[in-house]
Amino acid sequence: MEHNAATDTAAALDVEARRLLWRCRRGMKELDILLERFARAELPTATAAQRTLFDRFLELPDPVLLDYLLGQPDTGRVIPPEPELADLVRRILGLAPGRQTPMAELSTLRHDPAPKRAS
């Protein structure tokens, strides 16, 4: 049986971490890559509070995640209005190869109100 870093990381994750890793699969390649890379790197040592925050982030609809992580050509990326989610986005983007450092990108971002949650 052949081993690689992805299967070794997944095997080392506990049940909750594997559930979160599975939720990173959004069906959109760009999101899948960013979210899975972050999850594989961070979940093994994440605290319960960090996992809860990541779980809350994954509850957001794909278009909102796209705006937060990739933005649109005409408007740029959007910063989440909640400081803890904004910090999480910066951490996720910090693991993205070929991107500017997240702090360098902040000057080009705009703030939008939080997406409304369904009741």
PDB file of N, CA and C in Angstrom:
ATOM      1  N   MET A   1       0.837  -1.176   0.000  1.00  0.00           N
ATOM      2  CA  MET A   1       0.000   0.000   0.000  1.00  0.00           C
ATOM      3  C   MET A   1       0.883   1.242   0.000  1.00  0.00           C
ATOM      4  N   GLU A   2       0.614   2.160  -0.895  1.00  0.00           N
ATOM      5  CA  GLU A   2       1.412   3.368  -1.032  1.00  0.00           C
ATOM      6  C   GLU A   2       0.908   4.436  -0.057  1.00  0.00           C
ATOM      7  N   HIS A   3       1.836   5.124   0.613  1.00  0.00           N
ATOM      8  CA  HIS A   3       1.487   6.197   1.540  1.00  0.00           C
ATOM      9  C   HIS A   3       1.926   7.521   0.947  1.00  0.00           C
ATOM     10  N   ASN A   4       1.150   8.544   1.248  1.00  0.00           N
ATOM     11  CA  ASN A   4       1.558   9.894   0.889  1.00  0.00           C
ATOM     12  C   ASN A   4       1.198  10.822   2.038  1.00  0.00           C
ATOM     13  N   ALA A   5       1.624  12.066   1.957  1.00  0.00           N
ATOM     14  CA  ALA A   5       1.419  13.012   3.057  1.00  0.00           C
ATOM     15  C   ALA A   5      -0.065  13.211   3.346  1.00  0.00           C
ATOM     16  N   ALA A   6      -0.897  13.240   2.315  1.00  0.00           N
ATOM     17  CA  ALA A   6      -2.328  13.460   2.517  1.00  0.00           C
ATOM     18  C   ALA A   6      -2.961  12.324   3.307  1.00  0.00           C
ATOM     19  N   THR A   7      -2.664  11.070   2.944  1.00  0.00           N
ATOM     20  CA  THR A   7      -3.254   9.953   3.678  1.00  0.00           C
ATOM     21  C   THR A   7      -2.654   9.833   5.063  1.00  0.00           C
ATOM     22  N   ASP A   8      -1.364  10.128   5.222  1.00  0.00           N
ATOM     23  CA  ASP A   8      -0.747  10.082   6.543  1.00  0.00           C
ATOM     24  C   ASP A   8      -1.368  11.130   7.468  1.00  0.00           C
ATOM     25  N   THR A   9      -1.604  12.346   6.948  1.00  0.00           N
ATOM     26  CA  THR A   9      -2.221  13.390   7.761  1.00  0.00           C
ATOM     27  C   THR A   9      -3.633  13.008   8.136  1.00  0.00           C
ATOM     28  N   ALA A  10      -4.418  12.537   7.186  1.00  0.00           N
ATOM     29  CA  ALA A  10      -5.800  12.155   7.471  1.00  0.00           C
ATOM     30  C   ALA A  10      -5.853  11.032   8.500  1.00  0.00           C
ATOM     31  N   ALA A  11      -4.947  10.087   8.412  1.00  0.00           N
ATOM     32  CA  ALA A  11      -4.927   8.976   9.355  1.00  0.00           C
ATOM     33  C   ALA A  11      -4.588   9.457  10.758  1.00  0.00           C
ATOM     34  N   ALA A  12      -3.806  10.524  10.885  1.00  0.00           N
ATOM     35  CA  ALA A  12      -3.400  11.041  12.185  1.00  0.00           C
ATOM     36  C   ALA A  12      -4.485  11.907  12.831  1.00  0.00           C
ATOM     37  N   LEU A  13      -5.523  12.271  12.106  1.00  0.00           N
ATOM     38  CA  LEU A  13      -6.573  13.137  12.630  1.00  0.00           C
ATOM     39  C   LEU A  13      -7.596  12.337  13.422  1.00  0.00           C
ATOM     40  N   ASP A  14      -8.134  12.964  14.461  1.00  0.00           N
ATOM     41  CA  ASP A  14      -9.197  12.329  15.229  1.00  0.00           C
ATOM     42  C   ASP A  14     -10.515  12.434  14.461  1.00  0.00           C
ATOM     43  N   VAL A  15     -11.559  11.857  15.005  1.00  0.00           N
ATOM     44  CA  VAL A  15     -12.849  11.795  14.307  1.00  0.00           C
ATOM     45  C   VAL A  15     -13.386  13.188  13.990  1.00  0.00           C
ATOM     46  N   GLU A  16     -13.343  14.103  14.955  1.00  0.00           N
ATOM     47  CA  GLU A  16     -13.860  15.450  14.714  1.00  0.00           C
ATOM     48  C   GLU A  16     -13.055  16.168  13.635  1.00  0.00           C
ATOM     49  N   ALA A  17     -11.747  16.027  13.678  1.00  0.00           N
ATOM     50  CA  ALA A  17     -10.896  16.670  12.674  1.00  0.00           C
ATOM     51  C   ALA A  17     -11.164  16.090  11.287  1.00  0.00           C
ATOM     52  N   ARG A  18     -11.368  14.795  11.199  1.00  0.00           N
ATOM     53  CA  ARG A  18     -11.682  14.181   9.889  1.00  0.00           C
ATOM     54  C   ARG A  18     -13.027  14.677   9.373  1.00  0.00           C
ATOM     55  N   ARG A  19     -13.984  14.896  10.280  1.00  0.00           N
ATOM     56  CA  ARG A  19     -15.292  15.435   9.875  1.00  0.00           C
ATOM     57  C   ARG A  19     -15.113  16.842   9.297  1.00  0.00           C
ATOM     58  N   LEU A  20     -14.315  17.665   9.961  1.00  0.00           N
ATOM     59  CA  LEU A  20     -14.062  19.017   9.461  1.00  0.00           C
ATOM     60  C   LEU A  20     -13.316  18.982   8.126  1.00  0.00           C
ATOM     61  N   LEU A  21     -12.354  18.084   8.019  1.00  0.00           N
ATOM     62  CA  LEU A  21     -11.624  17.944   6.757  1.00  0.00           C
ATOM     63  C   LEU A  21     -12.578  17.565   5.624  1.00  0.00           C
ATOM     64  N   TRP A  22     -13.499  16.658   5.894  1.00  0.00           N
ATOM     65  CA  TRP A  22     -14.486  16.256   4.888  1.00  0.00           C
ATOM     66  C   TRP A  22     -15.344  17.451   4.479  1.00  0.00           C
ATOM     67  N   ARG A  23     -15.717  18.311   5.429  1.00  0.00           N
ATOM     68  CA  ARG A  23     -16.551  19.478   5.129  1.00  0.00           C
ATOM     69  C   ARG A  23     -15.805  20.515   4.288  1.00  0.00           C
ATOM     70  N   CYS A  24     -14.490  20.407   4.213  1.00  0.00           N
ATOM     71  CA  CYS A  24     -13.703  21.317   3.374  1.00  0.00           C
ATOM     72  C   CYS A  24     -13.925  21.044   1.890  1.00  0.00           C
ATOM     73  N   ARG A  25     -14.465  19.909   1.566  1.00  0.00           N
ATOM     74  CA  ARG A  25     -14.737  19.560   0.157  1.00  0.00           C
ATOM     75  C   ARG A  25     -16.028  20.231  -0.264  1.00  0.00           C
ATOM     76  N   ARG A  26     -15.882  21.306  -0.980  1.00  0.00           N
ATOM     77  CA  ARG A  26     -17.027  22.131  -1.354  1.00  0.00           C
ATOM     78  C   ARG A  26     -17.481  21.875  -2.782  1.00  0.00           C
ATOM     79  N   GLY A  27     -16.692  21.181  -3.567  1.00  0.00           N
ATOM     80  CA  GLY A  27     -17.050  20.972  -4.963  1.00  0.00           C
ATOM     81  C   GLY A  27     -16.541  22.074  -5.869  1.00  0.00           C
ATOM     82  N   MET A  28     -15.776  22.974  -5.316  1.00  0.00           N
ATOM     83  CA  MET A  28     -15.160  24.043  -6.090  1.00  0.00           C
ATOM     84  C   MET A  28     -13.662  23.939  -5.821  1.00  0.00           C
ATOM     85  N   LYS A  29     -12.905  23.614  -6.848  1.00  0.00           N
ATOM     86  CA  LYS A  29     -11.499  23.261  -6.679  1.00  0.00           C
ATOM     87  C   LYS A  29     -10.708  24.297  -5.880  1.00  0.00           C
ATOM     88  N   GLU A  30     -10.906  25.577  -6.176  1.00  0.00           N
ATOM     89  CA  GLU A  30     -10.154  26.623  -5.488  1.00  0.00           C
ATOM     90  C   GLU A  30     -10.413  26.593  -3.981  1.00  0.00           C
ATOM     91  N   LEU A  31     -11.689  26.491  -3.612  1.00  0.00           N
ATOM     92  CA  LEU A  31     -12.022  26.426  -2.186  1.00  0.00           C
ATOM     93  C   LEU A  31     -11.497  25.143  -1.567  1.00  0.00           C
ATOM     94  N   ASP A  32     -11.678  24.031  -2.263  1.00  0.00           N
ATOM     95  CA  ASP A  32     -11.215  22.741  -1.743  1.00  0.00           C
ATOM     96  C   ASP A  32      -9.722  22.795  -1.408  1.00  0.00           C
ATOM     97  N   ILE A  33      -8.933  23.333  -2.296  1.00  0.00           N
ATOM     98  CA  ILE A  33      -7.482  23.369  -2.090  1.00  0.00           C
ATOM     99  C   ILE A  33      -7.123  24.242  -0.885  1.00  0.00           C
ATOM    100  N   LEU A  34      -7.673  25.458  -0.844  1.00  0.00           N
ATOM    101  CA  LEU A  34      -7.361  26.355   0.277  1.00  0.00           C
ATOM    102  C   LEU A  34      -7.800  25.771   1.615  1.00  0.00           C
ATOM    103  N   LEU A  35      -9.044  25.298   1.670  1.00  0.00           N
ATOM    104  CA  LEU A  35      -9.584  24.817   2.940  1.00  0.00           C
ATOM    105  C   LEU A  35      -8.927  23.521   3.395  1.00  0.00           C
ATOM    106  N   GLU A  36      -8.713  22.583   2.465  1.00  0.00           N
ATOM    107  CA  GLU A  36      -8.092  21.313   2.847  1.00  0.00           C
ATOM    108  C   GLU A  36      -6.642  21.511   3.265  1.00  0.00           C
ATOM    109  N   ARG A  37      -5.916  22.374   2.573  1.00  0.00           N
ATOM    110  CA  ARG A  37      -4.519  22.632   2.948  1.00  0.00           C
ATOM    111  C   ARG A  37      -4.462  23.184   4.377  1.00  0.00           C
ATOM    112  N   PHE A  38      -5.334  24.134   4.670  1.00  0.00           N
ATOM    113  CA  PHE A  38      -5.386  24.707   6.011  1.00  0.00           C
ATOM    114  C   PHE A  38      -5.760  23.645   7.040  1.00  0.00           C
ATOM    115  N   ALA A  39      -6.791  22.871   6.748  1.00  0.00           N
ATOM    116  CA  ALA A  39      -7.258  21.859   7.701  1.00  0.00           C
ATOM    117  C   ALA A  39      -6.179  20.830   8.000  1.00  0.00           C
ATOM    118  N   ARG A  40      -5.507  20.352   6.988  1.00  0.00           N
ATOM    119  CA  ARG A  40      -4.445  19.349   7.195  1.00  0.00           C
ATOM    120  C   ARG A  40      -3.289  19.908   8.031  1.00  0.00           C
ATOM    121  N   ALA A  41      -2.997  21.182   7.842  1.00  0.00           N
ATOM    122  CA  ALA A  41      -1.889  21.792   8.576  1.00  0.00           C
ATOM    123  C   ALA A  41      -2.267  22.163  10.006  1.00  0.00           C
ATOM    124  N   GLU A  42      -3.491  22.599  10.210  1.00  0.00           N
ATOM    125  CA  GLU A  42      -3.871  23.184  11.496  1.00  0.00           C
ATOM    126  C   GLU A  42      -4.670  22.270  12.424  1.00  0.00           C
ATOM    127  N   LEU A  43      -5.516  21.414  11.883  1.00  0.00           N
ATOM    128  CA  LEU A  43      -6.408  20.625  12.736  1.00  0.00           C
ATOM    129  C   LEU A  43      -5.700  19.682  13.704  1.00  0.00           C
ATOM    130  N   PRO A  44      -4.571  19.083  13.341  1.00  0.00           N
ATOM    131  CA  PRO A  44      -3.947  18.163  14.308  1.00  0.00           C
ATOM    132  C   PRO A  44      -3.618  18.813  15.653  1.00  0.00           C
ATOM    133  N   THR A  45      -3.332  20.109  15.664  1.00  0.00           N
ATOM    134  CA  THR A  45      -2.958  20.777  16.913  1.00  0.00           C
ATOM    135  C   THR A  45      -3.964  21.846  17.332  1.00  0.00           C
ATOM    136  N   ALA A  46      -5.085  21.958  16.637  1.00  0.00           N
ATOM    137  CA  ALA A  46      -6.074  22.998  16.928  1.00  0.00           C
ATOM    138  C   ALA A  46      -6.777  22.733  18.256  1.00  0.00           C
ATOM    139  N   THR A  47      -7.068  23.824  18.968  1.00  0.00           N
ATOM    140  CA  THR A  47      -7.829  23.730  20.208  1.00  0.00           C
ATOM    141  C   THR A  47      -9.306  23.522  19.875  1.00  0.00           C
ATOM    142  N   ALA A  48     -10.093  23.221  20.881  1.00  0.00           N
ATOM    143  CA  ALA A  48     -11.537  23.057  20.683  1.00  0.00           C
ATOM    144  C   ALA A  48     -12.155  24.357  20.168  1.00  0.00           C
ATOM    145  N   ALA A  49     -11.716  25.493  20.710  1.00  0.00           N
ATOM    146  CA  ALA A  49     -12.247  26.784  20.267  1.00  0.00           C
ATOM    147  C   ALA A  49     -11.883  27.062  18.809  1.00  0.00           C
ATOM    148  N   GLN A  50     -10.667  26.734  18.406  1.00  0.00           N
ATOM    149  CA  GLN A  50     -10.251  26.933  17.013  1.00  0.00           C
ATOM    150  C   GLN A  50     -11.052  26.035  16.080  1.00  0.00           C
ATOM    151  N   ARG A  51     -11.304  24.815  16.494  1.00  0.00           N
ATOM    152  CA  ARG A  51     -12.113  23.906  15.666  1.00  0.00           C
ATOM    153  C   ARG A  51     -13.545  24.397  15.547  1.00  0.00           C
ATOM    154  N   THR A  52     -14.096  24.918  16.649  1.00  0.00           N
ATOM    155  CA  THR A  52     -15.460  25.447  16.620  1.00  0.00           C
ATOM    156  C   THR A  52     -15.550  26.625  15.663  1.00  0.00           C
ATOM    157  N   LEU A  53     -14.559  27.499  15.698  1.00  0.00           N
ATOM    158  CA  LEU A  53     -14.533  28.647  14.785  1.00  0.00           C
ATOM    159  C   LEU A  53     -14.436  28.187  13.334  1.00  0.00           C
ATOM    160  N   PHE A  54     -13.579  27.212  13.054  1.00  0.00           N
ATOM    161  CA  PHE A  54     -13.443  26.696  11.692  1.00  0.00           C
ATOM    162  C   PHE A  54     -14.749  26.043  11.241  1.00  0.00           C
ATOM    163  N   ASP A  55     -15.409  25.328  12.135  1.00  0.00           N
ATOM    164  CA  ASP A  55     -16.701  24.712  11.839  1.00  0.00           C
ATOM    165  C   ASP A  55     -17.721  25.789  11.481  1.00  0.00           C
ATOM    166  N   ARG A  56     -17.743  26.871  12.258  1.00  0.00           N
ATOM    167  CA  ARG A  56     -18.651  27.990  11.980  1.00  0.00           C
ATOM    168  C   ARG A  56     -18.339  28.616  10.625  1.00  0.00           C
ATOM    169  N   PHE A  57     -17.057  28.741  10.300  1.00  0.00           N
ATOM    170  CA  PHE A  57     -16.645  29.285   9.012  1.00  0.00           C
ATOM    171  C   PHE A  57     -17.142  28.402   7.868  1.00  0.00           C
ATOM    172  N   LEU A  58     -17.042  27.093   8.048  1.00  0.00           N
ATOM    173  CA  LEU A  58     -17.474  26.159   7.001  1.00  0.00           C
ATOM    174  C   LEU A  58     -18.990  26.138   6.812  1.00  0.00           C
ATOM    175  N   GLU A  59     -19.745  26.694   7.765  1.00  0.00           N
ATOM    176  CA  GLU A  59     -21.197  26.795   7.620  1.00  0.00           C
ATOM    177  C   GLU A  59     -21.611  27.878   6.635  1.00  0.00           C
ATOM    178  N   LEU A  60     -20.702  28.800   6.350  1.00  0.00           N
ATOM    179  CA  LEU A  60     -21.020  29.892   5.425  1.00  0.00           C
ATOM    180  C   LEU A  60     -21.227  29.344   4.016  1.00  0.00           C
ATOM    181  N   PRO A  61     -22.102  29.984   3.244  1.00  0.00           N
ATOM    182  CA  PRO A  61     -22.319  29.543   1.861  1.00  0.00           C
ATOM    183  C   PRO A  61     -21.069  29.746   0.997  1.00  0.00           C
ATOM    184  N   ASP A  62     -20.933  28.925  -0.018  1.00  0.00           N
ATOM    185  CA  ASP A  62     -19.771  28.988  -0.907  1.00  0.00           C
ATOM    186  C   ASP A  62     -19.513  30.380  -1.482  1.00  0.00           C
ATOM    187  N   PRO A  63     -20.535  31.116  -1.943  1.00  0.00           N
ATOM    188  CA  PRO A  63     -20.246  32.458  -2.491  1.00  0.00           C
ATOM    189  C   PRO A  63     -19.606  33.389  -1.455  1.00  0.00           C
ATOM    190  N   VAL A  64     -20.003  33.259  -0.199  1.00  0.00           N
ATOM    191  CA  VAL A  64     -19.415  34.089   0.861  1.00  0.00           C
ATOM    192  C   VAL A  64     -17.967  33.668   1.097  1.00  0.00           C
ATOM    193  N   LEU A  65     -17.720  32.354   1.150  1.00  0.00           N
ATOM    194  CA  LEU A  65     -16.356  31.860   1.314  1.00  0.00           C
ATOM    195  C   LEU A  65     -15.471  32.322   0.159  1.00  0.00           C
ATOM    196  N   LEU A  66     -16.008  32.287  -1.045  1.00  0.00           N
ATOM    197  CA  LEU A  66     -15.255  32.762  -2.215  1.00  0.00           C
ATOM    198  C   LEU A  66     -14.875  34.229  -2.072  1.00  0.00           C
ATOM    199  N   ASP A  67     -15.832  35.054  -1.649  1.00  0.00           N
ATOM    200  CA  ASP A  67     -15.545  36.478  -1.464  1.00  0.00           C
ATOM    201  C   ASP A  67     -14.476  36.681  -0.401  1.00  0.00           C
ATOM    202  N   TYR A  68     -14.559  35.929   0.680  1.00  0.00           N
ATOM    203  CA  TYR A  68     -13.590  36.071   1.770  1.00  0.00           C
ATOM    204  C   TYR A  68     -12.202  35.579   1.365  1.00  0.00           C
ATOM    205  N   LEU A  69     -12.133  34.478   0.644  1.00  0.00           N
ATOM    206  CA  LEU A  69     -10.837  33.860   0.353  1.00  0.00           C
ATOM    207  C   LEU A  69     -10.237  34.271  -0.986  1.00  0.00           C
ATOM    208  N   LEU A  70     -11.065  34.526  -1.984  1.00  0.00           N
ATOM    209  CA  LEU A  70     -10.548  34.819  -3.321  1.00  0.00           C
ATOM    210  C   LEU A  70     -10.983  36.172  -3.862  1.00  0.00           C
ATOM    211  N   GLY A  71     -12.156  36.626  -3.467  1.00  0.00           N
ATOM    212  CA  GLY A  71     -12.661  37.903  -3.941  1.00  0.00           C
ATOM    213  C   GLY A  71     -13.097  37.849  -5.392  1.00  0.00           C
ATOM    214  N   GLN A  72     -13.475  38.992  -5.883  1.00  0.00           N
ATOM    215  CA  GLN A  72     -13.911  39.138  -7.262  1.00  0.00           C
ATOM    216  C   GLN A  72     -12.947  40.085  -7.973  1.00  0.00           C
ATOM    217  N   PRO A  73     -12.727  39.894  -9.280  1.00  0.00           N
ATOM    218  CA  PRO A  73     -11.785  40.749 -10.006  1.00  0.00           C
ATOM    219  C   PRO A  73     -12.096  42.242  -9.882  1.00  0.00           C
ATOM    220  N   ASP A  74     -13.374  42.603  -9.860  1.00  0.00           N
ATOM    221  CA  ASP A  74     -13.733  44.020  -9.848  1.00  0.00           C
ATOM    222  C   ASP A  74     -13.806  44.631  -8.455  1.00  0.00           C
ATOM    223  N   THR A  75     -13.992  43.818  -7.411  1.00  0.00           N
ATOM    224  CA  THR A  75     -14.175  44.380  -6.071  1.00  0.00           C
ATOM    225  C   THR A  75     -13.116  43.954  -5.068  1.00  0.00           C
ATOM    226  N   GLY A  76     -12.332  42.939  -5.381  1.00  0.00           N
ATOM    227  CA  GLY A  76     -11.340  42.450  -4.424  1.00  0.00           C
ATOM    228  C   GLY A  76     -11.971  41.555  -3.375  1.00  0.00           C
ATOM    229  N   ARG A  77     -11.128  41.160  -2.417  1.00  0.00           N
ATOM    230  CA  ARG A  77     -11.612  40.298  -1.348  1.00  0.00           C
ATOM    231  C   ARG A  77     -12.364  41.108  -0.309  1.00  0.00           C
ATOM    232  N   VAL A  78     -13.260  40.448   0.386  1.00  0.00           N
ATOM    233  CA  VAL A  78     -14.053  41.040   1.446  1.00  0.00           C
ATOM    234  C   VAL A  78     -13.503  40.536   2.777  1.00  0.00           C
ATOM    235  N   ILE A  79     -13.393  41.427   3.758  1.00  0.00           N
ATOM    236  CA  ILE A  79     -12.971  41.024   5.095  1.00  0.00           C
ATOM    237  C   ILE A  79     -14.221  40.664   5.889  1.00  0.00           C
ATOM    238  N   PRO A  80     -14.232  39.511   6.536  1.00  0.00           N
ATOM    239  CA  PRO A  80     -15.372  39.189   7.398  1.00  0.00           C
ATOM    240  C   PRO A  80     -15.497  40.255   8.496  1.00  0.00           C
ATOM    241  N   PRO A  81     -16.730  40.650   8.838  1.00  0.00           N
ATOM    242  CA  PRO A  81     -16.908  41.694   9.852  1.00  0.00           C
ATOM    243  C   PRO A  81     -16.556  41.226  11.263  1.00  0.00           C
ATOM    244  N   GLU A  82     -16.629  39.937  11.509  1.00  0.00           N
ATOM    245  CA  GLU A  82     -16.280  39.418  12.827  1.00  0.00           C
ATOM    246  C   GLU A  82     -14.757  39.262  12.901  1.00  0.00           C
ATOM    247  N   PRO A  83     -14.124  39.879  13.898  1.00  0.00           N
ATOM    248  CA  PRO A  83     -12.658  39.840  13.979  1.00  0.00           C
ATOM    249  C   PRO A  83     -12.076  38.423  14.002  1.00  0.00           C
ATOM    250  N   GLU A  84     -12.729  37.493  14.693  1.00  0.00           N
ATOM    251  CA  GLU A  84     -12.179  36.135  14.749  1.00  0.00           C
ATOM    252  C   GLU A  84     -12.257  35.437  13.400  1.00  0.00           C
ATOM    253  N   LEU A  85     -13.294  35.715  12.611  1.00  0.00           N
ATOM    254  CA  LEU A  85     -13.368  35.146  11.265  1.00  0.00           C
ATOM    255  C   LEU A  85     -12.364  35.827  10.335  1.00  0.00           C
ATOM    256  N   ALA A  86     -12.177  37.140  10.511  1.00  0.00           N
ATOM    257  CA  ALA A  86     -11.177  37.855   9.701  1.00  0.00           C
ATOM    258  C   ALA A  86      -9.784  37.285   9.971  1.00  0.00           C
ATOM    259  N   ASP A  87      -9.493  36.995  11.239  1.00  0.00           N
ATOM    260  CA  ASP A  87      -8.206  36.401  11.587  1.00  0.00           C
ATOM    261  C   ASP A  87      -8.065  35.009  10.980  1.00  0.00           C
ATOM    262  N   LEU A  88      -9.137  34.225  11.014  1.00  0.00           N
ATOM    263  CA  LEU A  88      -9.109  32.886  10.421  1.00  0.00           C
ATOM    264  C   LEU A  88      -8.834  32.966   8.919  1.00  0.00           C
ATOM    265  N   VAL A  89      -9.474  33.894   8.231  1.00  0.00           N
ATOM    266  CA  VAL A  89      -9.238  34.072   6.794  1.00  0.00           C
ATOM    267  C   VAL A  89      -7.770  34.403   6.543  1.00  0.00           C
ATOM    268  N   ARG A  90      -7.199  35.292   7.349  1.00  0.00           N
ATOM    269  CA  ARG A  90      -5.779  35.631   7.190  1.00  0.00           C
ATOM    270  C   ARG A  90      -4.902  34.396   7.401  1.00  0.00           C
ATOM    271  N   ARG A  91      -5.256  33.561   8.364  1.00  0.00           N
ATOM    272  CA  ARG A  91      -4.473  32.344   8.606  1.00  0.00           C
ATOM    273  C   ARG A  91      -4.610  31.365   7.444  1.00  0.00           C
ATOM    274  N   ILE A  92      -5.818  31.214   6.914  1.00  0.00           N
ATOM    275  CA  ILE A  92      -6.016  30.312   5.769  1.00  0.00           C
ATOM    276  C   ILE A  92      -5.202  30.806   4.579  1.00  0.00           C
ATOM    277  N   LEU A  93      -5.263  32.090   4.304  1.00  0.00           N
ATOM    278  CA  LEU A  93      -4.529  32.648   3.163  1.00  0.00           C
ATOM    279  C   LEU A  93      -3.032  32.637   3.389  1.00  0.00           C
ATOM    280  N   GLY A  94      -2.607  32.633   4.624  1.00  0.00           N
ATOM    281  CA  GLY A  94      -1.182  32.565   4.923  1.00  0.00           C
ATOM    282  C   GLY A  94      -0.563  31.256   4.488  1.00  0.00           C
ATOM    283  N   LEU A  95      -1.375  30.223   4.310  1.00  0.00           N
ATOM    284  CA  LEU A  95      -0.886  28.932   3.865  1.00  0.00           C
ATOM    285  C   LEU A  95      -1.022  28.743   2.360  1.00  0.00           C
ATOM    286  N   ALA A  96      -1.534  29.749   1.663  1.00  0.00           N
ATOM    287  CA  ALA A  96      -1.733  29.645   0.220  1.00  0.00           C
ATOM    288  C   ALA A  96      -0.456  30.032  -0.513  1.00  0.00           C
ATOM    289  N   PRO A  97       0.142  29.105  -1.272  1.00  0.00           N
ATOM    290  CA  PRO A  97       1.376  29.433  -1.986  1.00  0.00           C
ATOM    291  C   PRO A  97       1.148  30.485  -3.063  1.00  0.00           C
ATOM    292  N   GLY A  98       2.159  31.315  -3.247  1.00  0.00           N
ATOM    293  CA  GLY A  98       2.088  32.300  -4.320  1.00  0.00           C
ATOM    294  C   GLY A  98       1.269  33.528  -4.004  1.00  0.00           C
ATOM    295  N   ARG A  99       0.713  33.633  -2.812  1.00  0.00           N
ATOM    296  CA  ARG A  99      -0.083  34.800  -2.450  1.00  0.00           C
ATOM    297  C   ARG A  99       0.789  35.780  -1.691  1.00  0.00           C
ATOM    298  N   GLN A 100       0.397  37.039  -1.717  1.00  0.00           N
ATOM    299  CA  GLN A 100       1.076  38.011  -0.881  1.00  0.00           C
ATOM    300  C   GLN A 100       0.819  37.622   0.573  1.00  0.00           C
ATOM    301  N   THR A 101       1.636  38.131   1.464  1.00  0.00           N
ATOM    302  CA  THR A 101       1.344  37.884   2.861  1.00  0.00           C
ATOM    303  C   THR A 101      -0.003  38.508   3.170  1.00  0.00           C
ATOM    304  N   PRO A 102      -0.811  37.868   3.999  1.00  0.00           N
ATOM    305  CA  PRO A 102      -2.146  38.388   4.280  1.00  0.00           C
ATOM    306  C   PRO A 102      -2.138  39.840   4.759  1.00  0.00           C
ATOM    307  N   MET A 103      -1.185  40.237   5.583  1.00  0.00           N
ATOM    308  CA  MET A 103      -1.170  41.608   6.074  1.00  0.00           C
ATOM    309  C   MET A 103      -0.939  42.593   4.931  1.00  0.00           C
ATOM    310  N   ALA A 104      -0.142  42.224   3.947  1.00  0.00           N
ATOM    311  CA  ALA A 104       0.113  43.111   2.811  1.00  0.00           C
ATOM    312  C   ALA A 104      -1.142  43.281   1.962  1.00  0.00           C
ATOM    313  N   GLU A 105      -2.012  42.288   1.961  1.00  0.00           N
ATOM    314  CA  GLU A 105      -3.232  42.359   1.167  1.00  0.00           C
ATOM    315  C   GLU A 105      -4.318  43.182   1.835  1.00  0.00           C
ATOM    316  N   LEU A 106      -4.234  43.403   3.142  1.00  0.00           N
ATOM    317  CA  LEU A 106      -5.325  44.031   3.869  1.00  0.00           C
ATOM    318  C   LEU A 106      -5.656  45.426   3.355  1.00  0.00           C
ATOM    319  N   SER A 107      -4.698  46.156   2.858  1.00  0.00           N
ATOM    320  CA  SER A 107      -4.956  47.517   2.404  1.00  0.00           C
ATOM    321  C   SER A 107      -5.878  47.554   1.189  1.00  0.00           C
ATOM    322  N   THR A 108      -6.008  46.446   0.475  1.00  0.00           N
ATOM    323  CA  THR A 108      -6.842  46.430  -0.721  1.00  0.00           C
ATOM    324  C   THR A 108      -8.224  45.826  -0.464  1.00  0.00           C
ATOM    325  N   LEU A 109      -8.524  45.494   0.778  1.00  0.00           N
ATOM    326  CA  LEU A 109      -9.774  44.823   1.089  1.00  0.00           C
ATOM    327  C   LEU A 109     -10.845  45.808   1.509  1.00  0.00           C
ATOM    328  N   ARG A 110     -12.083  45.396   1.355  1.00  0.00           N
ATOM    329  CA  ARG A 110     -13.208  46.217   1.799  1.00  0.00           C
ATOM    330  C   ARG A 110     -13.996  45.439   2.846  1.00  0.00           C
ATOM    331  N   HIS A 111     -14.703  46.155   3.703  1.00  0.00           N
ATOM    332  CA  HIS A 111     -15.522  45.524   4.735  1.00  0.00           C
ATOM    333  C   HIS A 111     -16.960  45.476   4.280  1.00  0.00           C
ATOM    334  N   ASP A 112     -17.621  44.364   4.528  1.00  0.00           N
ATOM    335  CA  ASP A 112     -19.047  44.224   4.268  1.00  0.00           C
ATOM    336  C   ASP A 112     -19.706  43.717   5.533  1.00  0.00           C
ATOM    337  N   PRO A 113     -20.991  43.982   5.694  1.00  0.00           N
ATOM    338  CA  PRO A 113     -21.680  43.464   6.870  1.00  0.00           C
ATOM    339  C   PRO A 113     -21.718  41.941   6.842  1.00  0.00           C
ATOM    340  N   ALA A 114     -21.907  41.358   7.998  1.00  0.00           N
ATOM    341  CA  ALA A 114     -21.949  39.898   8.115  1.00  0.00           C
ATOM    342  C   ALA A 114     -23.127  39.351   7.322  1.00  0.00           C
ATOM    343  N   PRO A 115     -22.937  38.169   6.707  1.00  0.00           N
ATOM    344  CA  PRO A 115     -24.065  37.543   6.024  1.00  0.00           C
ATOM    345  C   PRO A 115     -25.118  37.175   7.050  1.00  0.00           C
ATOM    346  N   LYS A 116     -26.374  37.300   6.669  1.00  0.00           N
ATOM    347  CA  LYS A 116     -27.463  36.952   7.586  1.00  0.00           C
ATOM    348  C   LYS A 116     -27.598  35.440   7.645  1.00  0.00           C
ATOM    349  N   ARG A 117     -27.767  34.937   8.856  1.00  0.00           N
ATOM    350  CA  ARG A 117     -27.971  33.512   9.047  1.00  0.00           C
ATOM    351  C   ARG A 117     -29.440  33.173   8.890  1.00  0.00           C
ATOM    352  N   ALA A 118     -29.705  32.017   8.337  1.00  0.00           N
ATOM    353  CA  ALA A 118     -31.080  31.570   8.191  1.00  0.00           C
ATOM    354  C   ALA A 118     -31.643  31.262   9.574  1.00  0.00           C
ATOM    355  N   SER A 119     -32.906  31.628   9.792  1.00  0.00           N
ATOM    356  CA  SER A 119     -33.514  31.368  11.102  1.00  0.00           C
ATOM    357  C   SER A 119     -34.101  29.979  11.170  1.00  0.00           C
TER     358      SER A 119
END
